[in-house]
Amino acid sequence: MRAQDLSGQPATMVVTGGFDPLRSEGKAYADRLMHAGVPVTYREFEGQIHLFVCVTRVISQGDICIDEMTKFLKEQFISA
C-alpha cells in the first residue's frame, strides 16, 4: 500500500465494510491502483464492520462477500 509505484500489480479486489475503521485506507488503495492502471474491483458493504466475513453465522452479508471474492479469484485464475 505504501509503494510509490503500483503499476504492474495484479488485478485486485478490495473489500471494506461501511463501519470498517480501515474503510478510507481501503478505498484510497483501490483508487491508487486504478490510477496506476491496475484492474480493480472495489466493494464496500454498507453497515458492516471490519472482518465481517469471519462471522458469517451472524452476518449474512459475509457469505455474499465470500461468494464475490471466490468469483473474482476464479476469474483471475481462468484468465491467467
N, C-alpha and C. Protein backbone atom coordinates (compact mmCIF):
# COMPACT_ATOMS: atom_id res chain seq x y z
N MET A 1 0.82 -1.20 0.00
CA MET A 1 0.00 0.00 0.00
C MET A 1 0.86 1.26 0.00
N ARG A 2 2.04 1.18 0.55
CA ARG A 2 2.87 2.38 0.66
C ARG A 2 3.85 2.54 -0.48
N ALA A 3 3.87 1.60 -1.41
CA ALA A 3 4.79 1.69 -2.54
C ALA A 3 4.49 2.94 -3.35
N GLN A 4 5.54 3.56 -3.86
CA GLN A 4 5.37 4.75 -4.69
C GLN A 4 4.64 4.42 -5.99
N ASP A 5 5.06 3.32 -6.63
CA ASP A 5 4.53 2.95 -7.94
C ASP A 5 3.77 1.64 -7.81
N LEU A 6 2.48 1.66 -8.09
CA LEU A 6 1.66 0.46 -8.00
C LEU A 6 1.41 -0.18 -9.37
N SER A 7 1.95 0.41 -10.42
CA SER A 7 1.74 -0.18 -11.74
C SER A 7 2.37 -1.56 -11.79
N GLY A 8 1.79 -2.43 -12.57
CA GLY A 8 2.30 -3.79 -12.69
C GLY A 8 1.76 -4.75 -11.65
N GLN A 9 0.94 -4.25 -10.74
CA GLN A 9 0.33 -5.13 -9.74
C GLN A 9 -0.75 -5.97 -10.42
N PRO A 10 -1.06 -7.13 -9.88
CA PRO A 10 -2.12 -7.96 -10.48
C PRO A 10 -3.49 -7.36 -10.21
N ALA A 11 -4.47 -7.84 -10.95
CA ALA A 11 -5.85 -7.44 -10.69
C ALA A 11 -6.14 -7.66 -9.21
N THR A 12 -6.84 -6.70 -8.63
CA THR A 12 -7.02 -6.69 -7.18
C THR A 12 -8.47 -6.45 -6.82
N MET A 13 -8.93 -7.14 -5.78
CA MET A 13 -10.24 -6.87 -5.20
C MET A 13 -10.01 -6.33 -3.80
N VAL A 14 -10.60 -5.18 -3.52
CA VAL A 14 -10.51 -4.56 -2.19
C VAL A 14 -11.92 -4.53 -1.62
N VAL A 15 -12.08 -5.07 -0.42
CA VAL A 15 -13.38 -5.13 0.24
C VAL A 15 -13.30 -4.40 1.57
N THR A 16 -14.28 -3.55 1.82
CA THR A 16 -14.37 -2.88 3.11
C THR A 16 -15.81 -2.94 3.61
N GLY A 17 -15.97 -2.68 4.88
CA GLY A 17 -17.29 -2.53 5.47
C GLY A 17 -17.56 -1.05 5.71
N GLY A 18 -18.81 -0.68 5.71
CA GLY A 18 -19.17 0.72 5.92
C GLY A 18 -18.71 1.26 7.26
N PHE A 19 -18.62 0.39 8.28
CA PHE A 19 -18.15 0.80 9.61
C PHE A 19 -16.74 0.31 9.90
N ASP A 20 -16.05 -0.09 8.85
CA ASP A 20 -14.68 -0.58 8.97
C ASP A 20 -13.75 0.59 9.27
N PRO A 21 -12.95 0.52 10.34
CA PRO A 21 -12.04 1.63 10.63
C PRO A 21 -10.97 1.81 9.55
N LEU A 22 -10.80 0.80 8.69
CA LEU A 22 -9.82 0.90 7.60
C LEU A 22 -10.50 1.17 6.25
N ARG A 23 -11.76 1.56 6.27
CA ARG A 23 -12.51 1.80 5.04
C ARG A 23 -11.85 2.86 4.18
N SER A 24 -11.48 3.98 4.75
CA SER A 24 -10.86 5.07 3.98
C SER A 24 -9.55 4.62 3.34
N GLU A 25 -8.76 3.87 4.10
CA GLU A 25 -7.49 3.38 3.57
C GLU A 25 -7.71 2.38 2.44
N GLY A 26 -8.70 1.52 2.60
CA GLY A 26 -9.02 0.55 1.55
C GLY A 26 -9.46 1.22 0.27
N LYS A 27 -10.32 2.23 0.40
CA LYS A 27 -10.80 2.97 -0.77
C LYS A 27 -9.66 3.73 -1.42
N ALA A 28 -8.80 4.34 -0.62
CA ALA A 28 -7.66 5.08 -1.16
C ALA A 28 -6.71 4.14 -1.92
N TYR A 29 -6.51 2.95 -1.38
CA TYR A 29 -5.65 1.97 -2.05
C TYR A 29 -6.26 1.55 -3.38
N ALA A 30 -7.55 1.28 -3.39
CA ALA A 30 -8.23 0.91 -4.63
C ALA A 30 -8.11 2.04 -5.65
N ASP A 31 -8.27 3.28 -5.22
CA ASP A 31 -8.14 4.43 -6.12
C ASP A 31 -6.73 4.54 -6.68
N ARG A 32 -5.74 4.34 -5.83
CA ARG A 32 -4.34 4.41 -6.30
C ARG A 32 -4.05 3.32 -7.32
N LEU A 33 -4.53 2.12 -7.05
CA LEU A 33 -4.35 1.03 -8.01
C LEU A 33 -5.00 1.36 -9.35
N MET A 34 -6.22 1.87 -9.29
CA MET A 34 -6.94 2.23 -10.51
C MET A 34 -6.17 3.27 -11.30
N HIS A 35 -5.67 4.30 -10.63
CA HIS A 35 -4.91 5.36 -11.31
C HIS A 35 -3.59 4.86 -11.86
N ALA A 36 -3.09 3.74 -11.32
CA ALA A 36 -1.85 3.14 -11.82
C ALA A 36 -2.12 2.18 -12.97
N GLY A 37 -3.40 2.05 -13.35
CA GLY A 37 -3.75 1.18 -14.47
C GLY A 37 -3.99 -0.27 -14.10
N VAL A 38 -4.13 -0.54 -12.82
CA VAL A 38 -4.37 -1.90 -12.35
C VAL A 38 -5.88 -2.16 -12.36
N PRO A 39 -6.31 -3.31 -12.89
CA PRO A 39 -7.73 -3.63 -12.82
C PRO A 39 -8.15 -3.83 -11.36
N VAL A 40 -9.14 -3.07 -10.93
CA VAL A 40 -9.55 -3.08 -9.53
C VAL A 40 -11.05 -3.30 -9.42
N THR A 41 -11.42 -4.15 -8.49
CA THR A 41 -12.81 -4.29 -8.08
C THR A 41 -12.86 -3.81 -6.63
N TYR A 42 -13.64 -2.74 -6.39
CA TYR A 42 -13.79 -2.24 -5.03
C TYR A 42 -15.22 -2.49 -4.60
N ARG A 43 -15.38 -3.06 -3.41
CA ARG A 43 -16.71 -3.35 -2.90
C ARG A 43 -16.79 -2.94 -1.45
N GLU A 44 -17.72 -2.03 -1.16
CA GLU A 44 -17.98 -1.63 0.22
C GLU A 44 -19.32 -2.21 0.64
N PHE A 45 -19.32 -2.93 1.74
CA PHE A 45 -20.55 -3.48 2.28
C PHE A 45 -21.07 -2.53 3.34
N GLU A 46 -22.12 -1.80 2.97
CA GLU A 46 -22.71 -0.80 3.85
C GLU A 46 -23.10 -1.42 5.19
N GLY A 47 -22.83 -0.70 6.26
CA GLY A 47 -23.26 -1.11 7.59
C GLY A 47 -22.47 -2.24 8.20
N GLN A 48 -21.39 -2.65 7.55
CA GLN A 48 -20.63 -3.78 8.08
C GLN A 48 -19.37 -3.33 8.80
N ILE A 49 -18.90 -4.19 9.69
CA ILE A 49 -17.72 -3.92 10.49
C ILE A 49 -16.50 -4.57 9.85
N HIS A 50 -15.33 -4.25 10.35
CA HIS A 50 -14.09 -4.89 9.91
C HIS A 50 -14.17 -6.38 10.21
N LEU A 51 -13.73 -7.20 9.29
CA LEU A 51 -13.72 -8.66 9.42
C LEU A 51 -15.11 -9.28 9.50
N PHE A 52 -16.11 -8.62 8.93
CA PHE A 52 -17.46 -9.18 8.96
C PHE A 52 -17.54 -10.53 8.25
N VAL A 53 -16.60 -10.81 7.35
CA VAL A 53 -16.62 -12.10 6.65
C VAL A 53 -16.25 -13.26 7.58
N CYS A 54 -15.74 -12.95 8.75
CA CYS A 54 -15.35 -14.00 9.70
C CYS A 54 -16.50 -14.43 10.60
N VAL A 55 -17.62 -13.74 10.53
CA VAL A 55 -18.75 -14.07 11.40
C VAL A 55 -20.01 -14.31 10.56
N THR A 56 -19.88 -15.18 9.58
CA THR A 56 -20.99 -15.42 8.65
C THR A 56 -22.21 -16.05 9.32
N ARG A 57 -22.03 -16.68 10.46
CA ARG A 57 -23.19 -17.24 11.17
C ARG A 57 -24.08 -16.13 11.73
N VAL A 58 -23.50 -14.97 11.92
CA VAL A 58 -24.24 -13.85 12.50
C VAL A 58 -24.55 -12.79 11.44
N ILE A 59 -23.63 -12.59 10.51
CA ILE A 59 -23.77 -11.54 9.49
C ILE A 59 -23.83 -12.21 8.12
N SER A 60 -25.04 -12.27 7.57
CA SER A 60 -25.23 -12.99 6.31
C SER A 60 -24.50 -12.34 5.13
N GLN A 61 -24.24 -11.05 5.20
CA GLN A 61 -23.51 -10.41 4.10
C GLN A 61 -22.09 -10.96 3.98
N GLY A 62 -21.59 -11.57 5.04
CA GLY A 62 -20.28 -12.20 4.97
C GLY A 62 -20.25 -13.30 3.92
N ASP A 63 -21.33 -14.09 3.85
CA ASP A 63 -21.41 -15.13 2.83
C ASP A 63 -21.46 -14.54 1.42
N ILE A 64 -22.18 -13.46 1.26
CA ILE A 64 -22.24 -12.79 -0.04
C ILE A 64 -20.86 -12.30 -0.43
N CYS A 65 -20.15 -11.72 0.51
CA CYS A 65 -18.80 -11.23 0.25
C CYS A 65 -17.86 -12.38 -0.14
N ILE A 66 -17.93 -13.47 0.59
CA ILE A 66 -17.08 -14.62 0.27
C ILE A 66 -17.39 -15.14 -1.13
N ASP A 67 -18.67 -15.18 -1.49
CA ASP A 67 -19.05 -15.61 -2.84
C ASP A 67 -18.46 -14.68 -3.90
N GLU A 68 -18.51 -13.37 -3.65
CA GLU A 68 -17.96 -12.41 -4.61
C GLU A 68 -16.44 -12.53 -4.72
N MET A 69 -15.77 -12.74 -3.59
CA MET A 69 -14.32 -12.90 -3.63
C MET A 69 -13.93 -14.19 -4.35
N THR A 70 -14.70 -15.25 -4.12
CA THR A 70 -14.44 -16.52 -4.80
C THR A 70 -14.61 -16.37 -6.30
N LYS A 71 -15.67 -15.69 -6.72
CA LYS A 71 -15.90 -15.45 -8.15
C LYS A 71 -14.75 -14.65 -8.74
N PHE A 72 -14.32 -13.61 -8.05
CA PHE A 72 -13.20 -12.78 -8.53
C PHE A 72 -11.95 -13.63 -8.71
N LEU A 73 -11.62 -14.44 -7.71
CA LEU A 73 -10.41 -15.27 -7.80
C LEU A 73 -10.51 -16.29 -8.92
N LYS A 74 -11.66 -16.92 -9.07
CA LYS A 74 -11.84 -17.88 -10.16
C LYS A 74 -11.60 -17.21 -11.51
N GLU A 75 -12.15 -16.01 -11.68
CA GLU A 75 -11.97 -15.28 -12.94
C GLU A 75 -10.49 -14.98 -13.18
N GLN A 76 -9.76 -14.65 -12.13
CA GLN A 76 -8.34 -14.34 -12.29
C GLN A 76 -7.55 -15.59 -12.66
N PHE A 77 -7.87 -16.71 -12.03
CA PHE A 77 -7.15 -17.95 -12.33
C PHE A 77 -7.46 -18.44 -13.74
N ILE A 78 -8.70 -18.29 -14.18
CA ILE A 78 -9.08 -18.72 -15.53
C ILE A 78 -8.36 -17.88 -16.58
N SER A 79 -8.23 -16.58 -16.33
CA SER A 79 -7.62 -15.70 -17.33
C SER A 79 -6.09 -15.72 -17.29
N ALA A 80 -5.51 -16.37 -16.29
CA ALA A 80 -4.04 -16.40 -16.15
C ALA A 80 -3.40 -17.35 -17.14
